[in-house]
Amino acid sequence: MTLSFWLNITSLSGEWRNIMHISNNNNNCCNSGDRIPAIWVNPNSTNILIVNDLINNPNQYIILEGIQLNTPIYVTITWNDQTITAYFNAVQNKSFTYPLKLINTLPESYFYIGDPWHHQNNGIEIKNFTILNTVLNQEQLSKIYKAQNVINNMWSYPKSIKDWYIIVQNNLVSKWDRLKINSNSNMSVSFWLLIKNNSPEWNNIFHFTNNNVDCCNSGNRVPAVWVYPNNTNLLVVNDLESAPNQYINITGIELNKPTFITITWLNQTVNTYLNNTLQTSFTYNSKFVSTTDDTNFYIGDPWYPQNKGLQIKKFNLYNTALNQDQIKRLYNGV
């Protein structure tokens, strides 16, 4: 089988903390069938202990090292006959072959995520806990990790997750440091956009500004996106170290037709996608002006009116520049 999950250890503890535990007889330790398998975080450490009961030799273990506090990591463990292999972020951490067979589970085996015998102090967070009825290979693990990594390194606008959100004026969403995006020179934004009607004025979709000013000095737009007056084209504005208020256009959007928009920033290059198709790729001759911790993030800025004609859904920021395959998966809902 294969077991995988995202793990974030937020604090140390002087006690053993259980992540998962399968037991044939609903006992903790240390007889045959008590741990088939079970996983703990070691006391005063971020190391992981994986325990397996072998035939005629219970409570055998291996230790995984290298996890950092407050750093989410994708853990995968495979069991293949007598061999256990563990991976961190799809890179092999340890592989060990026992000399004896592992004890099998029973139909009535107990399965815990957080067992009854070990104290929990809320210092362990898991996400996307999955058990698969097969042994994944390295190529399969890499593909899953890449897909998982996109989803787990993103910020979502809560009001747009399930329903269409009508953009309003002067909607301050957050400060930059709360978004947990490392750099505006290596990030992506994606959202479904529905333009219900044209406006005679510029309508803002989102706007990052270092100094809470609209335009047109360095740091005012890092970046920002508008819908043009009287049509459906989008204006993507970036402030460069060499010159503020530089822009590219996104064209081809139709009225009253939901369209998936993706924009990526990597080093000095901006890529724009309509649905899952690359539309524009432009490389500037200067670096982008960086955001600051105090940068304001608006979805609907204070300087441009809204007429209820712009709606967005599934507005996400990503802590990476998405590639074509990742954008295709997002567009198809995978």
C-alpha atoms as a PDB file:
ATOM      1  CA  MET A   1       0.000   0.000   0.000  1.00  0.00           C
ATOM      2  CA  THR A   2       0.915   3.661  -0.163  1.00  0.00           C
ATOM      3  CA  LEU A   3       0.193   6.266   2.494  1.00  0.00           C
ATOM      4  CA  SER A   4       0.567   9.996   1.771  1.00  0.00           C
ATOM      5  CA  PHE A   5      -0.226  13.238   3.568  1.00  0.00           C
ATOM      6  CA  TRP A   6       0.916  16.810   4.004  1.00  0.00           C
ATOM      7  CA  LEU A   7       2.486  17.331   7.428  1.00  0.00           C
ATOM      8  CA  ASN A   8       3.175  20.579   9.265  1.00  0.00           C
ATOM      9  CA  ILE A   9       4.791  20.342  12.715  1.00  0.00           C
ATOM     10  CA  THR A  10       4.146  23.712  14.336  1.00  0.00           C
ATOM     11  CA  SER A  11       5.736  23.055  17.750  1.00  0.00           C
ATOM     12  CA  LEU A  12       7.814  20.535  19.660  1.00  0.00           C
ATOM     13  CA  SER A  13       6.501  18.396  22.504  1.00  0.00           C
ATOM     14  CA  GLY A  14       8.085  16.360  25.257  1.00  0.00           C
ATOM     15  CA  GLU A  15       5.686  13.498  24.486  1.00  0.00           C
ATOM     16  CA  TRP A  16       5.144  11.036  21.670  1.00  0.00           C
ATOM     17  CA  ARG A  17       2.457  12.328  19.300  1.00  0.00           C
ATOM     18  CA  ASN A  18       0.656   9.808  17.138  1.00  0.00           C
ATOM     19  CA  ILE A  19      -0.185  10.541  13.497  1.00  0.00           C
ATOM     20  CA  MET A  20      -1.832   7.222  12.561  1.00  0.00           C
ATOM     21  CA  HIS A  21      -2.170   3.774  14.104  1.00  0.00           C
ATOM     22  CA  ILE A  22      -3.581   0.492  12.776  1.00  0.00           C
ATOM     23  CA  SER A  23      -4.005  -2.261  15.367  1.00  0.00           C
ATOM     24  CA  ASN A  24      -5.453  -5.750  15.020  1.00  0.00           C
ATOM     25  CA  ASN A  25      -6.452  -5.978  18.686  1.00  0.00           C
ATOM     26  CA  ASN A  26      -6.953  -2.315  19.684  1.00  0.00           C
ATOM     27  CA  ASN A  27      -3.869  -2.333  21.893  1.00  0.00           C
ATOM     28  CA  ASN A  28      -0.992   0.129  21.823  1.00  0.00           C
ATOM     29  CA  CYS A  29       2.083  -2.050  22.337  1.00  0.00           C
ATOM     30  CA  CYS A  30       4.072  -4.280  22.272  1.00  0.00           C
ATOM     31  CA  ASN A  31       2.615  -7.592  21.171  1.00  0.00           C
ATOM     32  CA  SER A  32       2.163  -9.049  17.728  1.00  0.00           C
ATOM     33  CA  GLY A  33      -0.458  -7.118  15.756  1.00  0.00           C
ATOM     34  CA  ASP A  34      -0.509  -4.003  17.944  1.00  0.00           C
ATOM     35  CA  ARG A  35       1.174  -1.745  15.351  1.00  0.00           C
ATOM     36  CA  ILE A  36       0.587  -2.729  11.710  1.00  0.00           C
ATOM     37  CA  PRO A  37       1.754  -0.007  11.089  1.00  0.00           C
ATOM     38  CA  ALA A  38       1.781   3.110  13.283  1.00  0.00           C
ATOM     39  CA  ILE A  39       3.482   6.487  12.938  1.00  0.00           C
ATOM     40  CA  TRP A  40       4.581   9.001  15.573  1.00  0.00           C
ATOM     41  CA  VAL A  41       6.484  12.254  15.872  1.00  0.00           C
ATOM     42  CA  ASN A  42       9.387  11.772  18.290  1.00  0.00           C
ATOM     43  CA  PRO A  43       9.477  13.731  21.588  1.00  0.00           C
ATOM     44  CA  ASN A  44      11.365  17.054  21.430  1.00  0.00           C
ATOM     45  CA  SER A  45      12.029  16.465  17.759  1.00  0.00           C
ATOM     46  CA  THR A  46      10.521  16.659  14.281  1.00  0.00           C
ATOM     47  CA  ASN A  47      11.707  13.142  13.413  1.00  0.00           C
ATOM     48  CA  ILE A  48       9.071  10.586  12.423  1.00  0.00           C
ATOM     49  CA  LEU A  49       8.965   7.054  13.839  1.00  0.00           C
ATOM     50  CA  ILE A  50       7.383   4.351  11.647  1.00  0.00           C
ATOM     51  CA  VAL A  51       6.637   1.135  13.540  1.00  0.00           C
ATOM     52  CA  ASN A  52       5.801  -2.235  11.997  1.00  0.00           C
ATOM     53  CA  ASP A  53       5.100  -5.560  13.656  1.00  0.00           C
ATOM     54  CA  LEU A  54       6.909  -8.438  11.977  1.00  0.00           C
ATOM     55  CA  ILE A  55       6.034 -12.101  12.288  1.00  0.00           C
ATOM     56  CA  ASN A  56       7.590 -13.247  15.604  1.00  0.00           C
ATOM     57  CA  ASN A  57       9.200  -9.828  16.093  1.00  0.00           C
ATOM     58  CA  PRO A  58       6.858  -6.915  16.991  1.00  0.00           C
ATOM     59  CA  ASN A  59       7.591  -3.189  17.319  1.00  0.00           C
ATOM     60  CA  GLN A  60      10.325  -2.782  14.717  1.00  0.00           C
ATOM     61  CA  TYR A  61      10.883   0.736  13.503  1.00  0.00           C
ATOM     62  CA  ILE A  62      12.652   3.150  11.201  1.00  0.00           C
ATOM     63  CA  ILE A  63      13.205   6.892  11.772  1.00  0.00           C
ATOM     64  CA  LEU A  64      12.801   9.652   9.197  1.00  0.00           C
ATOM     65  CA  GLU A  65      14.824  12.830   9.686  1.00  0.00           C
ATOM     66  CA  GLY A  66      15.042  16.227   8.024  1.00  0.00           C
ATOM     67  CA  ILE A  67      11.679  17.897   8.696  1.00  0.00           C
ATOM     68  CA  GLN A  68      11.708  21.558   9.738  1.00  0.00           C
ATOM     69  CA  LEU A  69       9.265  23.279  12.066  1.00  0.00           C
ATOM     70  CA  ASN A  70       6.454  25.257  10.433  1.00  0.00           C
ATOM     71  CA  THR A  71       7.392  23.980   6.976  1.00  0.00           C
ATOM     72  CA  PRO A  72       4.680  21.862   5.288  1.00  0.00           C
ATOM     73  CA  ILE A  73       6.128  18.727   3.732  1.00  0.00           C
ATOM     74  CA  TYR A  74       4.547  16.026   1.594  1.00  0.00           C
ATOM     75  CA  VAL A  75       5.177  12.639   3.220  1.00  0.00           C
ATOM     76  CA  THR A  76       4.744   9.409   1.274  1.00  0.00           C
ATOM     77  CA  ILE A  77       5.383   5.920   2.633  1.00  0.00           C
ATOM     78  CA  THR A  78       5.099   2.700   0.635  1.00  0.00           C
ATOM     79  CA  TRP A  79       4.948  -0.883   1.869  1.00  0.00           C
ATOM     80  CA  ASN A  80       6.006  -3.490  -0.701  1.00  0.00           C
ATOM     81  CA  ASP A  81       6.272  -6.986   0.786  1.00  0.00           C
ATOM     82  CA  GLN A  82       9.045  -6.553   3.391  1.00  0.00           C
ATOM     83  CA  THR A  83      10.365  -3.227   2.084  1.00  0.00           C
ATOM     84  CA  ILE A  84       9.307   0.180   3.399  1.00  0.00           C
ATOM     85  CA  THR A  85      10.273   3.294   1.448  1.00  0.00           C
ATOM     86  CA  ALA A  86       9.660   6.854   2.630  1.00  0.00           C
ATOM     87  CA  TYR A  87       9.699  10.070   0.575  1.00  0.00           C
ATOM     88  CA  PHE A  88       9.684  13.779   1.464  1.00  0.00           C
ATOM     89  CA  ASN A  89       8.314  15.978  -1.322  1.00  0.00           C
ATOM     90  CA  ALA A  90       8.637  13.011  -3.727  1.00  0.00           C
ATOM     91  CA  VAL A  91      12.352  12.574  -2.935  1.00  0.00           C
ATOM     92  CA  GLN A  92      13.371   9.326  -1.263  1.00  0.00           C
ATOM     93  CA  ASN A  93      14.369   9.805   2.368  1.00  0.00           C
ATOM     94  CA  LYS A  94      14.888   6.195   3.432  1.00  0.00           C
ATOM     95  CA  SER A  95      14.272   2.626   2.272  1.00  0.00           C
ATOM     96  CA  PHE A  96      14.580  -0.437   4.487  1.00  0.00           C
ATOM     97  CA  THR A  97      13.926  -4.141   3.909  1.00  0.00           C
ATOM     98  CA  TYR A  98      13.043  -6.218   6.969  1.00  0.00           C
ATOM     99  CA  PRO A  99      14.310  -9.831   7.233  1.00  0.00           C
ATOM    100  CA  LEU A 100      10.818 -11.075   8.191  1.00  0.00           C
ATOM    101  CA  LYS A 101       7.350 -10.591   6.761  1.00  0.00           C
ATOM    102  CA  LEU A 102       5.035  -7.923   8.148  1.00  0.00           C
ATOM    103  CA  ILE A 103       1.964  -9.030  10.080  1.00  0.00           C
ATOM    104  CA  ASN A 104      -1.188  -8.574   8.023  1.00  0.00           C
ATOM    105  CA  THR A 105      -4.160  -6.516   9.081  1.00  0.00           C
ATOM    106  CA  LEU A 106      -7.502  -8.174   9.827  1.00  0.00           C
ATOM    107  CA  PRO A 107     -10.938  -7.126   8.539  1.00  0.00           C
ATOM    108  CA  GLU A 108     -11.763  -5.909  12.061  1.00  0.00           C
ATOM    109  CA  SER A 109      -8.483  -4.004  12.558  1.00  0.00           C
ATOM    110  CA  TYR A 110      -8.773  -0.581  14.228  1.00  0.00           C
ATOM    111  CA  PHE A 111      -7.574   2.478  12.315  1.00  0.00           C
ATOM    112  CA  TYR A 112      -6.837   5.719  14.171  1.00  0.00           C
ATOM    113  CA  ILE A 113      -5.603   9.118  13.042  1.00  0.00           C
ATOM    114  CA  GLY A 114      -4.471  10.193  16.502  1.00  0.00           C
ATOM    115  CA  ASP A 115      -4.692   7.072  18.657  1.00  0.00           C
ATOM    116  CA  PRO A 116      -6.117   6.896  22.221  1.00  0.00           C
ATOM    117  CA  TRP A 117      -2.834   6.177  23.938  1.00  0.00           C
ATOM    118  CA  HIS A 118      -0.779   9.280  23.162  1.00  0.00           C
ATOM    119  CA  HIS A 119      -1.409  12.885  24.142  1.00  0.00           C
ATOM    120  CA  GLN A 120      -2.007  15.446  21.390  1.00  0.00           C
ATOM    121  CA  ASN A 121      -1.185  19.129  21.911  1.00  0.00           C
ATOM    122  CA  ASN A 122      -2.276  20.588  18.566  1.00  0.00           C
ATOM    123  CA  GLY A 123       1.292  20.862  17.339  1.00  0.00           C
ATOM    124  CA  ILE A 124       0.718  18.558  14.376  1.00  0.00           C
ATOM    125  CA  GLU A 125      -1.322  19.441  11.278  1.00  0.00           C
ATOM    126  CA  ILE A 126      -2.094  17.075   8.400  1.00  0.00           C
ATOM    127  CA  LYS A 127      -3.875  17.540   5.085  1.00  0.00           C
ATOM    128  CA  ASN A 128      -4.926  15.318   2.171  1.00  0.00           C
ATOM    129  CA  PHE A 129      -4.379  12.086   4.123  1.00  0.00           C
ATOM    130  CA  THR A 130      -4.673   9.270   1.567  1.00  0.00           C
ATOM    131  CA  ILE A 131      -4.223   5.486   1.581  1.00  0.00           C
ATOM    132  CA  LEU A 132      -3.859   3.768  -1.799  1.00  0.00           C
ATOM    133  CA  ASN A 133      -4.269   0.084  -2.546  1.00  0.00           C
ATOM    134  CA  THR A 134      -1.030  -0.063  -4.512  1.00  0.00           C
ATOM    135  CA  VAL A 135       2.673   0.791  -4.324  1.00  0.00           C
ATOM    136  CA  LEU A 136       3.332   4.018  -6.212  1.00  0.00           C
ATOM    137  CA  ASN A 137       6.548   4.361  -8.175  1.00  0.00           C
ATOM    138  CA  GLN A 138       8.817   7.414  -8.341  1.00  0.00           C
ATOM    139  CA  GLU A 139       7.222   8.816 -11.500  1.00  0.00           C
ATOM    140  CA  GLN A 140       3.716   8.546 -10.051  1.00  0.00           C
ATOM    141  CA  LEU A 141       4.829  10.158  -6.795  1.00  0.00           C
ATOM    142  CA  SER A 142       6.435  13.068  -8.627  1.00  0.00           C
ATOM    143  CA  LYS A 143       3.272  13.779 -10.620  1.00  0.00           C
ATOM    144  CA  ILE A 144       1.080  13.660  -7.527  1.00  0.00           C
ATOM    145  CA  TYR A 145       3.448  15.867  -5.550  1.00  0.00           C
ATOM    146  CA  LYS A 146       3.600  18.490  -8.303  1.00  0.00           C
ATOM    147  CA  ALA A 147      -0.200  18.615  -8.447  1.00  0.00           C
ATOM    148  CA  GLN A 148      -0.499  18.628  -4.642  1.00  0.00           C
ATOM    149  CA  ASN A 149       2.190  21.271  -4.266  1.00  0.00           C
ATOM    150  CA  VAL A 150       0.220  23.746  -6.358  1.00  0.00           C
ATOM    151  CA  ILE A 151      -2.874  23.288  -4.243  1.00  0.00           C
ATOM    152  CA  ASN A 152      -1.010  23.518  -0.947  1.00  0.00           C
ATOM    153  CA  ASN A 153       0.983  26.632  -1.792  1.00  0.00           C
ATOM    154  CA  MET A 154      -1.860  28.953  -2.604  1.00  0.00           C
ATOM    155  CA  TRP A 155      -4.167  31.571  -1.135  1.00  0.00           C
ATOM    156  CA  SER A 156      -7.870  31.620  -2.013  1.00  0.00           C
ATOM    157  CA  TYR A 157     -10.293  34.502  -1.737  1.00  0.00           C
ATOM    158  CA  PRO A 158     -12.935  32.997   0.586  1.00  0.00           C
ATOM    159  CA  LYS A 159     -15.903  34.848  -0.931  1.00  0.00           C
ATOM    160  CA  SER A 160     -15.144  33.387  -4.362  1.00  0.00           C
ATOM    161  CA  ILE A 161     -14.592  29.718  -3.526  1.00  0.00           C
ATOM    162  CA  LYS A 162     -18.122  28.371  -4.028  1.00  0.00           C
ATOM    163  CA  ASP A 163     -20.128  31.177  -5.611  1.00  0.00           C
ATOM    164  CA  TRP A 164     -19.627  34.033  -8.035  1.00  0.00           C
ATOM    165  CA  TYR A 165     -18.429  37.142  -6.241  1.00  0.00           C
ATOM    166  CA  ILE A 166     -19.563  40.514  -7.577  1.00  0.00           C
ATOM    167  CA  ILE A 167     -16.604  42.904  -7.394  1.00  0.00           C
ATOM    168  CA  VAL A 168     -17.299  46.093  -5.436  1.00  0.00           C
ATOM    169  CA  GLN A 169     -15.258  49.252  -5.077  1.00  0.00           C
ATOM    170  CA  ASN A 170     -12.767  49.714  -2.221  1.00  0.00           C
ATOM    171  CA  ASN A 171     -12.599  46.078  -1.104  1.00  0.00           C
ATOM    172  CA  LEU A 172      -9.335  45.810   0.853  1.00  0.00           C
ATOM    173  CA  VAL A 173      -8.724  42.077   1.184  1.00  0.00           C
ATOM    174  CA  SER A 174      -5.365  41.727   2.933  1.00  0.00           C
ATOM    175  CA  LYS A 175      -1.837  42.893   3.528  1.00  0.00           C
ATOM    176  CA  TRP A 176       0.850  41.130   1.503  1.00  0.00           C
ATOM    177  CA  ASP A 177       2.512  39.398   4.460  1.00  0.00           C
ATOM    178  CA  ARG A 178      -0.725  37.566   5.339  1.00  0.00           C
ATOM    179  CA  LEU A 179      -0.971  35.980   1.902  1.00  0.00           C
ATOM    180  CA  LYS A 180       2.184  33.875   2.407  1.00  0.00           C
ATOM    181  CA  ILE A 181       3.314  34.522  -1.175  1.00  0.00           C
ATOM    182  CA  ASN A 182       7.087  34.781  -1.207  1.00  0.00           C
ATOM    183  CA  SER A 183       7.614  37.054  -4.206  1.00  0.00           C
ATOM    184  CA  ASN A 184       5.614  38.941  -6.821  1.00  0.00           C
ATOM    185  CA  SER A 185       8.400  37.924  -9.228  1.00  0.00           C
ATOM    186  CA  ASN A 186       7.486  34.240  -8.840  1.00  0.00           C
ATOM    187  CA  MET A 187       3.740  33.898  -8.455  1.00  0.00           C
ATOM    188  CA  SER A 188       0.501  33.261 -10.332  1.00  0.00           C
ATOM    189  CA  VAL A 189      -3.114  34.351 -10.144  1.00  0.00           C
ATOM    190  CA  SER A 190      -6.048  32.416 -11.569  1.00  0.00           C
ATOM    191  CA  PHE A 191      -9.779  33.086 -11.521  1.00  0.00           C
ATOM    192  CA  TRP A 192     -12.950  32.576 -13.473  1.00  0.00           C
ATOM    193  CA  LEU A 193     -14.181  35.892 -14.859  1.00  0.00           C
ATOM    194  CA  LEU A 194     -17.687  36.768 -15.983  1.00  0.00           C
ATOM    195  CA  ILE A 195     -18.214  40.193 -17.543  1.00  0.00           C
ATOM    196  CA  LYS A 196     -21.954  40.840 -17.493  1.00  0.00           C
ATOM    197  CA  ASN A 197     -21.908  44.218 -19.224  1.00  0.00           C
ATOM    198  CA  ASN A 198     -19.487  46.790 -20.572  1.00  0.00           C
ATOM    199  CA  SER A 199     -18.748  49.951 -18.627  1.00  0.00           C
ATOM    200  CA  PRO A 200     -17.790  53.402 -19.926  1.00  0.00           C
ATOM    201  CA  GLU A 201     -15.135  53.523 -17.175  1.00  0.00           C
ATOM    202  CA  TRP A 202     -12.128  51.480 -16.161  1.00  0.00           C
ATOM    203  CA  ASN A 203     -13.170  48.666 -13.760  1.00  0.00           C
ATOM    204  CA  ASN A 204     -10.524  47.203 -11.454  1.00  0.00           C
ATOM    205  CA  ILE A 205     -10.311  43.458 -10.812  1.00  0.00           C
ATOM    206  CA  PHE A 206      -7.381  43.408  -8.369  1.00  0.00           C
ATOM    207  CA  HIS A 207      -4.636  45.800  -7.308  1.00  0.00           C
ATOM    208  CA  PHE A 208      -1.456  45.424  -5.227  1.00  0.00           C
ATOM    209  CA  THR A 209      -0.020  48.753  -4.093  1.00  0.00           C
ATOM    210  CA  ASN A 210       2.966  49.402  -1.827  1.00  0.00           C
ATOM    211  CA  ASN A 211       1.907  52.891  -0.802  1.00  0.00           C
ATOM    212  CA  ASN A 212      -1.882  52.768  -1.228  1.00  0.00           C
ATOM    213  CA  VAL A 213      -1.736  55.072  -4.244  1.00  0.00           C
ATOM    214  CA  ASP A 214      -3.318  54.318  -7.620  1.00  0.00           C
ATOM    215  CA  CYS A 215      -0.746  55.658 -10.081  1.00  0.00           C
ATOM    216  CA  CYS A 216       1.791  56.374 -11.499  1.00  0.00           C
ATOM    217  CA  ASN A 217       4.934  56.149  -9.382  1.00  0.00           C
ATOM    218  CA  SER A 218       7.140  53.215  -8.492  1.00  0.00           C
ATOM    219  CA  GLY A 219       5.317  50.718  -6.279  1.00  0.00           C
ATOM    220  CA  ASN A 220       1.779  51.908  -7.036  1.00  0.00           C
ATOM    221  CA  ARG A 221       0.903  48.864  -9.140  1.00  0.00           C
ATOM    222  CA  VAL A 222       2.790  45.685  -8.213  1.00  0.00           C
ATOM    223  CA  PRO A 223       0.795  44.383 -10.135  1.00  0.00           C
ATOM    224  CA  ALA A 224      -2.804  45.385 -10.968  1.00  0.00           C
ATOM    225  CA  VAL A 225      -5.450  44.357 -13.523  1.00  0.00           C
ATOM    226  CA  TRP A 226      -8.371  46.293 -15.051  1.00  0.00           C
ATOM    227  CA  VAL A 227     -11.115  45.817 -17.621  1.00  0.00           C
ATOM    228  CA  TYR A 228     -10.957  48.434 -20.369  1.00  0.00           C
ATOM    229  CA  PRO A 229     -13.791  50.938 -20.824  1.00  0.00           C
ATOM    230  CA  ASN A 230     -16.446  49.883 -23.344  1.00  0.00           C
ATOM    231  CA  ASN A 231     -14.959  46.454 -24.086  1.00  0.00           C
ATOM    232  CA  THR A 232     -13.853  43.208 -22.443  1.00  0.00           C
ATOM    233  CA  ASN A 233     -10.057  43.473 -22.816  1.00  0.00           C
ATOM    234  CA  LEU A 234      -7.941  43.274 -19.686  1.00  0.00           C
ATOM    235  CA  LEU A 235      -5.019  45.576 -18.846  1.00  0.00           C
ATOM    236  CA  VAL A 236      -2.233  43.932 -16.801  1.00  0.00           C
ATOM    237  CA  VAL A 237       0.005  46.615 -15.248  1.00  0.00           C
ATOM    238  CA  ASN A 238       3.427  46.098 -13.666  1.00  0.00           C
ATOM    239  CA  ASP A 239       5.813  48.602 -12.111  1.00  0.00           C
ATOM    240  CA  LEU A 240       9.388  47.950 -13.169  1.00  0.00           C
ATOM    241  CA  GLU A 241      12.523  49.138 -11.411  1.00  0.00           C
ATOM    242  CA  SER A 242      13.324  51.094 -14.573  1.00  0.00           C
ATOM    243  CA  ALA A 243       9.824  52.526 -15.171  1.00  0.00           C
ATOM    244  CA  PRO A 244       6.398  52.381 -13.501  1.00  0.00           C
ATOM    245  CA  ASN A 245       3.063  51.558 -15.109  1.00  0.00           C
ATOM    246  CA  GLN A 246       4.132  49.174 -17.866  1.00  0.00           C
ATOM    247  CA  TYR A 247       1.372  46.986 -19.283  1.00  0.00           C
ATOM    248  CA  ILE A 248       0.225  44.175 -21.555  1.00  0.00           C
ATOM    249  CA  ASN A 249      -3.295  43.271 -22.734  1.00  0.00           C
ATOM    250  CA  ILE A 250      -5.469  40.175 -22.548  1.00  0.00           C
ATOM    251  CA  THR A 251      -7.961  40.014 -25.420  1.00  0.00           C
ATOM    252  CA  GLY A 252     -10.603  37.572 -26.623  1.00  0.00           C
ATOM    253  CA  ILE A 253     -12.951  37.547 -23.625  1.00  0.00           C
ATOM    254  CA  GLU A 254     -16.653  37.385 -24.495  1.00  0.00           C
ATOM    255  CA  LEU A 255     -19.525  39.054 -22.667  1.00  0.00           C
ATOM    256  CA  ASN A 256     -21.635  36.781 -20.450  1.00  0.00           C
ATOM    257  CA  LYS A 257     -19.316  33.822 -20.974  1.00  0.00           C
ATOM    258  CA  PRO A 258     -17.264  32.509 -18.023  1.00  0.00           C
ATOM    259  CA  THR A 259     -13.583  32.587 -18.904  1.00  0.00           C
ATOM    260  CA  PHE A 260     -10.658  31.129 -16.962  1.00  0.00           C
ATOM    261  CA  ILE A 261      -7.878  33.717 -16.573  1.00  0.00           C
ATOM    262  CA  THR A 262      -4.353  32.847 -15.463  1.00  0.00           C
ATOM    263  CA  ILE A 263      -1.420  35.258 -15.181  1.00  0.00           C
ATOM    264  CA  THR A 264       2.073  34.177 -14.134  1.00  0.00           C
ATOM    265  CA  TRP A 265       5.092  36.267 -13.123  1.00  0.00           C
ATOM    266  CA  LEU A 266       8.560  34.716 -13.217  1.00  0.00           C
ATOM    267  CA  ASN A 267      11.682  36.853 -12.981  1.00  0.00           C
ATOM    268  CA  GLN A 268      10.965  39.533 -15.633  1.00  0.00           C
ATOM    269  CA  THR A 269       8.440  37.562 -17.701  1.00  0.00           C
ATOM    270  CA  VAL A 270       4.641  37.787 -17.601  1.00  0.00           C
ATOM    271  CA  ASN A 271       2.536  35.041 -19.214  1.00  0.00           C
ATOM    272  CA  THR A 272      -1.214  35.342 -19.717  1.00  0.00           C
ATOM    273  CA  TYR A 273      -3.586  32.453 -20.415  1.00  0.00           C
ATOM    274  CA  LEU A 274      -7.173  32.427 -21.649  1.00  0.00           C
ATOM    275  CA  ASN A 275      -8.822  29.249 -20.401  1.00  0.00           C
ATOM    276  CA  ASN A 276      -5.806  26.926 -20.628  1.00  0.00           C
ATOM    277  CA  THR A 277      -4.189  28.447 -23.704  1.00  0.00           C
ATOM    278  CA  LEU A 278      -1.150  30.716 -23.592  1.00  0.00           C
ATOM    279  CA  GLN A 279      -2.133  34.047 -25.093  1.00  0.00           C
ATOM    280  CA  THR A 280       0.751  36.407 -24.361  1.00  0.00           C
ATOM    281  CA  SER A 281       4.312  36.019 -23.120  1.00  0.00           C
ATOM    282  CA  PHE A 282       6.308  39.179 -22.585  1.00  0.00           C
ATOM    283  CA  THR A 283       9.726  39.661 -20.992  1.00  0.00           C
ATOM    284  CA  TYR A 284      10.558  43.111 -19.664  1.00  0.00           C
ATOM    285  CA  ASN A 285      14.091  44.510 -19.710  1.00  0.00           C
ATOM    286  CA  SER A 286      13.946  45.344 -15.998  1.00  0.00           C
ATOM    287  CA  LYS A 287      12.946  43.631 -12.755  1.00  0.00           C
ATOM    288  CA  PHE A 288       9.523  44.102 -11.175  1.00  0.00           C
ATOM    289  CA  VAL A 289       9.295  46.452  -8.194  1.00  0.00           C
ATOM    290  CA  SER A 290       8.945  44.198  -5.160  1.00  0.00           C
ATOM    291  CA  THR A 291       6.024  44.189  -2.786  1.00  0.00           C
ATOM    292  CA  THR A 292       6.536  44.956   0.915  1.00  0.00           C
ATOM    293  CA  ASP A 293       4.975  43.264   3.944  1.00  0.00           C
ATOM    294  CA  ASP A 294       2.609  46.228   4.209  1.00  0.00           C
ATOM    295  CA  THR A 295       1.475  46.176   0.561  1.00  0.00           C
ATOM    296  CA  ASN A 296      -2.313  46.526   0.243  1.00  0.00           C
ATOM    297  CA  PHE A 297      -4.204  43.939  -1.773  1.00  0.00           C
ATOM    298  CA  TYR A 298      -7.567  44.950  -3.207  1.00  0.00           C
ATOM    299  CA  ILE A 299     -10.112  42.976  -5.166  1.00  0.00           C
ATOM    300  CA  GLY A 300     -11.890  46.066  -6.427  1.00  0.00           C
ATOM    301  CA  ASP A 301      -9.647  49.017  -5.548  1.00  0.00           C
ATOM    302  CA  PRO A 302     -10.803  52.403  -4.114  1.00  0.00           C
ATOM    303  CA  TRP A 303     -10.031  54.471  -7.208  1.00  0.00           C
ATOM    304  CA  TYR A 304     -12.321  52.957  -9.854  1.00  0.00           C
ATOM    305  CA  PRO A 305     -16.123  52.552  -9.683  1.00  0.00           C
ATOM    306  CA  GLN A 306     -17.919  49.240 -10.108  1.00  0.00           C
ATOM    307  CA  ASN A 307     -21.270  48.690 -11.798  1.00  0.00           C
ATOM    308  CA  LYS A 308     -21.908  45.069 -10.667  1.00  0.00           C
ATOM    309  CA  GLY A 309     -20.807  43.966 -14.111  1.00  0.00           C
ATOM    310  CA  LEU A 310     -17.687  42.043 -12.980  1.00  0.00           C
ATOM    311  CA  GLN A 311     -17.950  38.671 -11.260  1.00  0.00           C
ATOM    312  CA  ILE A 312     -15.152  36.312 -10.256  1.00  0.00           C
ATOM    313  CA  LYS A 313     -15.023  32.767  -8.948  1.00  0.00           C
ATOM    314  CA  LYS A 314     -12.220  30.625  -7.505  1.00  0.00           C
ATOM    315  CA  PHE A 315      -9.797  33.530  -7.225  1.00  0.00           C
ATOM    316  CA  ASN A 316      -6.452  31.998  -6.216  1.00  0.00           C
ATOM    317  CA  LEU A 317      -2.898  33.234  -5.723  1.00  0.00           C
ATOM    318  CA  TYR A 318      -0.077  30.716  -6.067  1.00  0.00           C
ATOM    319  CA  ASN A 319       3.364  30.806  -4.536  1.00  0.00           C
ATOM    320  CA  THR A 320       4.921  29.780  -7.841  1.00  0.00           C
ATOM    321  CA  ALA A 321       4.753  30.496 -11.559  1.00  0.00           C
ATOM    322  CA  LEU A 322       2.402  27.798 -12.829  1.00  0.00           C
ATOM    323  CA  ASN A 323       3.343  25.842 -15.940  1.00  0.00           C
ATOM    324  CA  GLN A 324       1.098  24.845 -18.845  1.00  0.00           C
ATOM    325  CA  ASP A 325       0.281  21.416 -17.420  1.00  0.00           C
ATOM    326  CA  GLN A 326      -0.679  22.817 -14.019  1.00  0.00           C
ATOM    327  CA  ILE A 327      -2.900  25.454 -15.608  1.00  0.00           C
ATOM    328  CA  LYS A 328      -4.595  22.788 -17.721  1.00  0.00           C
ATOM    329  CA  ARG A 329      -5.327  20.760 -14.586  1.00  0.00           C
ATOM    330  CA  LEU A 330      -6.790  23.790 -12.823  1.00  0.00           C
ATOM    331  CA  TYR A 331      -8.919  24.680 -15.844  1.00  0.00           C
ATOM    332  CA  ASN A 332     -10.274  21.128 -16.003  1.00  0.00           C
ATOM    333  CA  GLY A 333     -10.869  21.048 -12.261  1.00  0.00           C
ATOM    334  CA  VAL A 334      -8.276  18.329 -11.606  1.00  0.00           C
END
